[in-house]
């Protein structure tokens, strides 16, 4: 099932609950839910990918690529 907003996807089966991603998140959008990490603040997530980079098990995936438009006048 697709997310209603663009946010990282966390595979609960692969998440070990190490929480390395929580302090890596600059917007504090992640938190623990029992022994697993969740995106607890969808509106705060800036989709920067920091959580994906620090996850040692690869449980966090940012499946969308963000491209910035070239603002050079033509």
PDB file of N, CA and C in Angstrom:
ATOM      1  N   UNK A   1       0.844  -1.188   0.000  1.00  0.00           N
ATOM      2  CA  UNK A   1       0.000   0.000   0.000  1.00  0.00           C
ATOM      3  C   UNK A   1       0.882   1.242   0.000  1.00  0.00           C
ATOM      4  N   UNK A   2       0.565   2.225  -0.812  1.00  0.00           N
ATOM      5  CA  UNK A   2       1.341   3.451  -0.906  1.00  0.00           C
ATOM      6  C   UNK A   2       1.059   4.363   0.278  1.00  0.00           C
ATOM      7  N   UNK A   3       2.075   5.148   0.618  1.00  0.00           N
ATOM      8  CA  UNK A   3       1.902   6.129   1.685  1.00  0.00           C
ATOM      9  C   UNK A   3       1.032   7.274   1.196  1.00  0.00           C
ATOM     10  N   UNK A   4       0.296   7.898   2.110  1.00  0.00           N
ATOM     11  CA  UNK A   4      -0.536   9.035   1.725  1.00  0.00           C
ATOM     12  C   UNK A   4       0.310  10.282   1.542  1.00  0.00           C
ATOM     13  N   UNK A   5       1.504  10.298   2.107  1.00  0.00           N
ATOM     14  CA  UNK A   5       2.454  11.387   1.924  1.00  0.00           C
ATOM     15  C   UNK A   5       3.807  10.764   1.626  1.00  0.00           C
ATOM     16  N   UNK A   6       4.678  11.545   1.031  1.00  0.00           N
ATOM     17  CA  UNK A   6       6.021  11.050   0.778  1.00  0.00           C
ATOM     18  C   UNK A   6       6.779  11.039   2.094  1.00  0.00           C
ATOM     19  N   UNK A   7       7.089   9.849   2.542  1.00  0.00           N
ATOM     20  CA  UNK A   7       7.847   9.691   3.786  1.00  0.00           C
ATOM     21  C   UNK A   7       8.642   8.397   3.675  1.00  0.00           C
ATOM     22  N   UNK A   8       9.654   8.268   4.495  1.00  0.00           N
ATOM     23  CA  UNK A   8      10.421   7.026   4.473  1.00  0.00           C
ATOM     24  C   UNK A   8       9.545   5.841   4.839  1.00  0.00           C
ATOM     25  N   UNK A   9       9.851   4.698   4.238  1.00  0.00           N
ATOM     26  CA  UNK A   9       9.159   3.464   4.580  1.00  0.00           C
ATOM     27  C   UNK A   9      10.058   2.677   5.520  1.00  0.00           C
ATOM     28  N   UNK A  10       9.503   2.186   6.625  1.00  0.00           N
ATOM     29  CA  UNK A  10      10.278   1.434   7.604  1.00  0.00           C
ATOM     30  C   UNK A  10       9.760   0.001   7.636  1.00  0.00           C
ATOM     31  N   UNK A  11      10.629  -0.930   7.327  1.00  0.00           N
ATOM     32  CA  UNK A  11      10.283  -2.347   7.340  1.00  0.00           C
ATOM     33  C   UNK A  11      10.434  -2.836   8.783  1.00  0.00           C
ATOM     34  N   UNK A  12       9.322  -3.073   9.441  1.00  0.00           N
ATOM     35  CA  UNK A  12       9.333  -3.482  10.851  1.00  0.00           C
ATOM     36  C   UNK A  12      10.048  -4.803  11.058  1.00  0.00           C
ATOM     37  N   UNK A  13      10.028  -5.676  10.059  1.00  0.00           N
ATOM     38  CA  UNK A  13      10.714  -6.964  10.190  1.00  0.00           C
ATOM     39  C   UNK A  13      12.234  -6.801  10.205  1.00  0.00           C
ATOM     40  N   UNK A  14      12.738  -5.773   9.537  1.00  0.00           N
ATOM     41  CA  UNK A  14      14.176  -5.537   9.475  1.00  0.00           C
ATOM     42  C   UNK A  14      14.663  -4.558  10.543  1.00  0.00           C
ATOM     43  N   UNK A  15      13.769  -3.777  11.113  1.00  0.00           N
ATOM     44  CA  UNK A  15      14.145  -2.799  12.139  1.00  0.00           C
ATOM     45  C   UNK A  15      14.501  -3.533  13.430  1.00  0.00           C
ATOM     46  N   UNK A  16      15.716  -3.274  13.922  1.00  0.00           N
ATOM     47  CA  UNK A  16      16.168  -3.910  15.170  1.00  0.00           C
ATOM     48  C   UNK A  16      15.886  -3.040  16.391  1.00  0.00           C
ATOM     49  N   UNK A  17      15.396  -1.820  16.158  1.00  0.00           N
ATOM     50  CA  UNK A  17      15.122  -0.918  17.272  1.00  0.00           C
ATOM     51  C   UNK A  17      16.365  -0.257  17.827  1.00  0.00           C
ATOM     52  N   UNK A  18      17.436  -0.207  17.042  1.00  0.00           N
ATOM     53  CA  UNK A  18      18.681   0.407  17.518  1.00  0.00           C
ATOM     54  C   UNK A  18      18.524   1.906  17.744  1.00  0.00           C
ATOM     55  N   UNK A  19      17.587   2.534  17.041  1.00  0.00           N
ATOM     56  CA  UNK A  19      17.255   3.954  17.156  1.00  0.00           C
ATOM     57  C   UNK A  19      18.349   4.893  16.655  1.00  0.00           C
ATOM     58  N   UNK A  20      19.289   4.406  15.858  1.00  0.00           N
ATOM     59  CA  UNK A  20      20.325   5.280  15.290  1.00  0.00           C
ATOM     60  C   UNK A  20      19.715   6.391  14.439  1.00  0.00           C
ATOM     61  N   UNK A  21      18.576   6.114  13.845  1.00  0.00           N
ATOM     62  CA  UNK A  21      17.937   7.076  12.951  1.00  0.00           C
ATOM     63  C   UNK A  21      17.282   8.241  13.685  1.00  0.00           C
ATOM     64  N   UNK A  22      16.883   8.033  14.919  1.00  0.00           N
ATOM     65  CA  UNK A  22      16.146   9.079  15.641  1.00  0.00           C
ATOM     66  C   UNK A  22      16.977  10.340  15.826  1.00  0.00           C
ATOM     67  N   UNK A  23      18.205  10.274  16.348  1.00  0.00           N
ATOM     68  CA  UNK A  23      18.979  11.510  16.464  1.00  0.00           C
ATOM     69  C   UNK A  23      19.470  12.047  15.122  1.00  0.00           C
ATOM     70  N   UNK A  24      19.489  11.185  14.090  1.00  0.00           N
ATOM     71  CA  UNK A  24      19.912  11.625  12.757  1.00  0.00           C
ATOM     72  C   UNK A  24      18.849  12.466  12.065  1.00  0.00           C
ATOM     73  N   UNK A  25      17.600  12.349  12.500  1.00  0.00           N
ATOM     74  CA  UNK A  25      16.495  13.077  11.866  1.00  0.00           C
ATOM     75  C   UNK A  25      16.508  14.542  12.302  1.00  0.00           C
ATOM     76  N   UNK A  26      16.746  15.462  11.357  1.00  0.00           N
ATOM     77  CA  UNK A  26      16.823  16.877  11.730  1.00  0.00           C
ATOM     78  C   UNK A  26      15.484  17.505  12.119  1.00  0.00           C
ATOM     79  N   UNK A  27      14.387  16.848  11.789  1.00  0.00           N
ATOM     80  CA  UNK A  27      13.083  17.427  12.104  1.00  0.00           C
ATOM     81  C   UNK A  27      12.356  16.695  13.228  1.00  0.00           C
ATOM     82  N   UNK A  28      13.027  15.708  13.829  1.00  0.00           N
ATOM     83  CA  UNK A  28      12.461  14.939  14.937  1.00  0.00           C
ATOM     84  C   UNK A  28      11.137  14.269  14.558  1.00  0.00           C
ATOM     85  N   UNK A  29      11.085  13.725  13.339  1.00  0.00           N
ATOM     86  CA  UNK A  29       9.868  13.082  12.839  1.00  0.00           C
ATOM     87  C   UNK A  29       9.780  11.600  13.214  1.00  0.00           C
ATOM     88  N   UNK A  30      10.856  11.045  13.765  1.00  0.00           N
ATOM     89  CA  UNK A  30      10.893   9.624  14.105  1.00  0.00           C
ATOM     90  C   UNK A  30      10.804   9.422  15.611  1.00  0.00           C
ATOM     91  N   UNK A  31      10.222   8.297  15.999  1.00  0.00           N
ATOM     92  CA  UNK A  31      10.171   7.940  17.416  1.00  0.00           C
ATOM     93  C   UNK A  31      10.044   6.427  17.534  1.00  0.00           C
ATOM     94  N   UNK A  32      10.139   5.952  18.753  1.00  0.00           N
ATOM     95  CA  UNK A  32       9.991   4.526  19.014  1.00  0.00           C
ATOM     96  C   UNK A  32       8.529   4.198  19.279  1.00  0.00           C
ATOM     97  N   UNK A  33       8.100   3.056  18.783  1.00  0.00           N
ATOM     98  CA  UNK A  33       6.780   2.515  19.075  1.00  0.00           C
ATOM     99  C   UNK A  33       7.043   1.098  19.579  1.00  0.00           C
ATOM    100  N   UNK A  34       7.141   0.953  20.878  1.00  0.00           N
ATOM    101  CA  UNK A  34       7.575  -0.321  21.437  1.00  0.00           C
ATOM    102  C   UNK A  34       9.047  -0.500  21.139  1.00  0.00           C
ATOM    103  N   UNK A  35       9.381  -1.542  20.404  1.00  0.00           N
ATOM    104  CA  UNK A  35      10.781  -1.804  20.076  1.00  0.00           C
ATOM    105  C   UNK A  35      11.127  -1.482  18.630  1.00  0.00           C
ATOM    106  N   UNK A  36      10.256  -0.747  17.944  1.00  0.00           N
ATOM    107  CA  UNK A  36      10.473  -0.404  16.535  1.00  0.00           C
ATOM    108  C   UNK A  36      10.386   1.097  16.327  1.00  0.00           C
ATOM    109  N   UNK A  37      11.065   1.565  15.298  1.00  0.00           N
ATOM    110  CA  UNK A  37      11.028   2.986  14.932  1.00  0.00           C
ATOM    111  C   UNK A  37       9.873   3.223  13.973  1.00  0.00           C
ATOM    112  N   UNK A  38       9.217   4.371  14.130  1.00  0.00           N
ATOM    113  CA  UNK A  38       8.128   4.765  13.231  1.00  0.00           C
ATOM    114  C   UNK A  38       8.297   6.231  12.847  1.00  0.00           C
ATOM    115  N   UNK A  39       7.682   6.612  11.731  1.00  0.00           N
ATOM    116  CA  UNK A  39       7.574   8.027  11.381  1.00  0.00           C
ATOM    117  C   UNK A  39       6.352   8.518  12.136  1.00  0.00           C
ATOM    118  N   UNK A  40       6.590   9.227  13.215  1.00  0.00           N
ATOM    119  CA  UNK A  40       5.485   9.634  14.083  1.00  0.00           C
ATOM    120  C   UNK A  40       4.953  11.027  13.780  1.00  0.00           C
ATOM    121  N   UNK A  41       5.667  11.777  12.971  1.00  0.00           N
ATOM    122  CA  UNK A  41       5.237  13.137  12.641  1.00  0.00           C
ATOM    123  C   UNK A  41       5.370  13.351  11.136  1.00  0.00           C
ATOM    124  N   UNK A  42       4.407  12.817  10.387  1.00  0.00           N
ATOM    125  CA  UNK A  42       4.436  12.931   8.925  1.00  0.00           C
ATOM    126  C   UNK A  42       4.677  14.357   8.454  1.00  0.00           C
ATOM    127  N   UNK A  43       3.986  15.293   9.054  1.00  0.00           N
ATOM    128  CA  UNK A  43       4.068  16.686   8.617  1.00  0.00           C
ATOM    129  C   UNK A  43       5.450  17.280   8.862  1.00  0.00           C
ATOM    130  N   UNK A  44       6.185  16.730   9.811  1.00  0.00           N
ATOM    131  CA  UNK A  44       7.516  17.255  10.120  1.00  0.00           C
ATOM    132  C   UNK A  44       8.604  16.678   9.221  1.00  0.00           C
ATOM    133  N   UNK A  45       8.378  15.510   8.653  1.00  0.00           N
ATOM    134  CA  UNK A  45       9.388  14.842   7.839  1.00  0.00           C
ATOM    135  C   UNK A  45       9.696  15.664   6.593  1.00  0.00           C
ATOM    136  N   UNK A  46      10.975  15.994   6.416  1.00  0.00           N
ATOM    137  CA  UNK A  46      11.389  16.768   5.242  1.00  0.00           C
ATOM    138  C   UNK A  46      11.913  15.870   4.123  1.00  0.00           C
ATOM    139  N   UNK A  47      11.873  14.553   4.346  1.00  0.00           N
ATOM    140  CA  UNK A  47      12.289  13.560   3.362  1.00  0.00           C
ATOM    141  C   UNK A  47      13.738  13.787   2.939  1.00  0.00           C
ATOM    142  N   UNK A  48      14.583  14.081   3.933  1.00  0.00           N
ATOM    143  CA  UNK A  48      15.989  14.370   3.642  1.00  0.00           C
ATOM    144  C   UNK A  48      16.814  13.117   3.398  1.00  0.00           C
ATOM    145  N   UNK A  49      16.373  11.975   3.913  1.00  0.00           N
ATOM    146  CA  UNK A  49      17.079  10.721   3.706  1.00  0.00           C
ATOM    147  C   UNK A  49      18.156  10.415   4.730  1.00  0.00           C
ATOM    148  N   UNK A  50      18.326  11.270   5.731  1.00  0.00           N
ATOM    149  CA  UNK A  50      19.336  11.018   6.756  1.00  0.00           C
ATOM    150  C   UNK A  50      19.078   9.708   7.483  1.00  0.00           C
ATOM    151  N   UNK A  51      17.829   9.407   7.760  1.00  0.00           N
ATOM    152  CA  UNK A  51      17.489   8.167   8.470  1.00  0.00           C
ATOM    153  C   UNK A  51      17.878   6.944   7.652  1.00  0.00           C
ATOM    154  N   UNK A  52      17.629   7.008   6.355  1.00  0.00           N
ATOM    155  CA  UNK A  52      17.973   5.897   5.465  1.00  0.00           C
ATOM    156  C   UNK A  52      19.482   5.663   5.469  1.00  0.00           C
ATOM    157  N   UNK A  53      20.261   6.730   5.462  1.00  0.00           N
ATOM    158  CA  UNK A  53      21.715   6.622   5.408  1.00  0.00           C
ATOM    159  C   UNK A  53      22.313   5.989   6.655  1.00  0.00           C
ATOM    160  N   UNK A  54      21.731   6.241   7.829  1.00  0.00           N
ATOM    161  CA  UNK A  54      22.333   5.731   9.067  1.00  0.00           C
ATOM    162  C   UNK A  54      21.787   4.379   9.501  1.00  0.00           C
ATOM    163  N   UNK A  55      20.732   3.897   8.895  1.00  0.00           N
ATOM    164  CA  UNK A  55      20.125   2.628   9.312  1.00  0.00           C
ATOM    165  C   UNK A  55      21.073   1.467   9.000  1.00  0.00           C
ATOM    166  N   UNK A  56      21.571   0.776  10.027  1.00  0.00           N
ATOM    167  CA  UNK A  56      22.545  -0.290   9.794  1.00  0.00           C
ATOM    168  C   UNK A  56      21.966  -1.551   9.154  1.00  0.00           C
ATOM    169  N   UNK A  57      20.660  -1.737   9.213  1.00  0.00           N
ATOM    170  CA  UNK A  57      20.059  -2.945   8.644  1.00  0.00           C
ATOM    171  C   UNK A  57      19.358  -2.691   7.317  1.00  0.00           C
ATOM    172  N   UNK A  58      19.291  -1.452   6.883  1.00  0.00           N
ATOM    173  CA  UNK A  58      18.596  -1.130   5.643  1.00  0.00           C
ATOM    174  C   UNK A  58      17.088  -1.202   5.769  1.00  0.00           C
ATOM    175  N   UNK A  59      16.589  -1.073   6.995  1.00  0.00           N
ATOM    176  CA  UNK A  59      15.146  -1.157   7.237  1.00  0.00           C
ATOM    177  C   UNK A  59      14.399   0.088   6.775  1.00  0.00           C
ATOM    178  N   UNK A  60      15.121   1.187   6.591  1.00  0.00           N
ATOM    179  CA  UNK A  60      14.479   2.437   6.175  1.00  0.00           C
ATOM    180  C   UNK A  60      14.820   2.706   4.720  1.00  0.00           C
ATOM    181  N   UNK A  61      13.772   2.952   3.944  1.00  0.00           N
ATOM    182  CA  UNK A  61      13.943   3.223   2.517  1.00  0.00           C
ATOM    183  C   UNK A  61      13.171   4.483   2.153  1.00  0.00           C
ATOM    184  N   UNK A  62      13.831   5.364   1.428  1.00  0.00           N
ATOM    185  CA  UNK A  62      13.165   6.537   0.857  1.00  0.00           C
ATOM    186  C   UNK A  62      12.955   6.213  -0.621  1.00  0.00           C
ATOM    187  N   UNK A  63      11.778   5.704  -0.974  1.00  0.00           N
ATOM    188  CA  UNK A  63      11.576   5.180  -2.322  1.00  0.00           C
ATOM    189  C   UNK A  63      11.397   6.219  -3.421  1.00  0.00           C
ATOM    190  N   UNK A  64      11.214   7.457  -3.061  1.00  0.00           N
ATOM    191  CA  UNK A  64      10.996   8.489  -4.081  1.00  0.00           C
ATOM    192  C   UNK A  64      12.249   9.318  -4.238  1.00  0.00           C
ATOM    193  N   UNK A  65      12.555   9.688  -5.469  1.00  0.00           N
ATOM    194  CA  UNK A  65      13.692  10.556  -5.737  1.00  0.00           C
ATOM    195  C   UNK A  65      13.169  11.978  -5.899  1.00  0.00           C
ATOM    196  N   UNK A  66      13.807  12.885  -5.203  1.00  0.00           N
ATOM    197  CA  UNK A  66      13.399  14.286  -5.285  1.00  0.00           C
ATOM    198  C   UNK A  66      14.353  15.001  -6.226  1.00  0.00           C
ATOM    199  N   UNK A  67      13.796  15.653  -7.227  1.00  0.00           N
ATOM    200  CA  UNK A  67      14.588  16.413  -8.183  1.00  0.00           C
ATOM    201  C   UNK A  67      14.155  17.864  -8.112  1.00  0.00           C
ATOM    202  N   UNK A  68      15.146  18.734  -8.096  1.00  0.00           N
ATOM    203  CA  UNK A  68      14.858  20.159  -8.055  1.00  0.00           C
ATOM    204  C   UNK A  68      14.882  20.714  -9.468  1.00  0.00           C
ATOM    205  N   UNK A  69      13.923  21.546  -9.762  1.00  0.00           N
ATOM    206  CA  UNK A  69      13.823  22.140 -11.092  1.00  0.00           C
ATOM    207  C   UNK A  69      14.941  23.152 -11.291  1.00  0.00           C
ATOM    208  N   UNK A  70      15.435  23.233 -12.500  1.00  0.00           N
ATOM    209  CA  UNK A  70      16.435  24.214 -12.851  1.00  0.00           C
ATOM    210  C   UNK A  70      15.724  25.549 -12.997  1.00  0.00           C
ATOM    211  N   UNK A  71      16.135  26.515 -12.207  1.00  0.00           N
ATOM    212  CA  UNK A  71      15.469  27.822 -12.226  1.00  0.00           C
ATOM    213  C   UNK A  71      16.229  28.837 -13.067  1.00  0.00           C
ATOM    214  N   UNK A  72      17.050  28.368 -13.993  1.00  0.00           N
ATOM    215  CA  UNK A  72      17.800  29.256 -14.869  1.00  0.00           C
ATOM    216  C   UNK A  72      16.829  29.863 -15.874  1.00  0.00           C
ATOM    217  N   UNK A  73      16.797  31.206 -15.968  1.00  0.00           N
ATOM    218  CA  UNK A  73      15.899  31.832 -16.952  1.00  0.00           C
ATOM    219  C   UNK A  73      16.317  31.460 -18.371  1.00  0.00           C
ATOM    220  N   UNK A  74      15.310  31.270 -19.215  1.00  0.00           N
ATOM    221  CA  UNK A  74      15.612  30.885 -20.597  1.00  0.00           C
ATOM    222  C   UNK A  74      15.285  31.966 -21.545  1.00  0.00           C
TER     223      UNK A  74
END
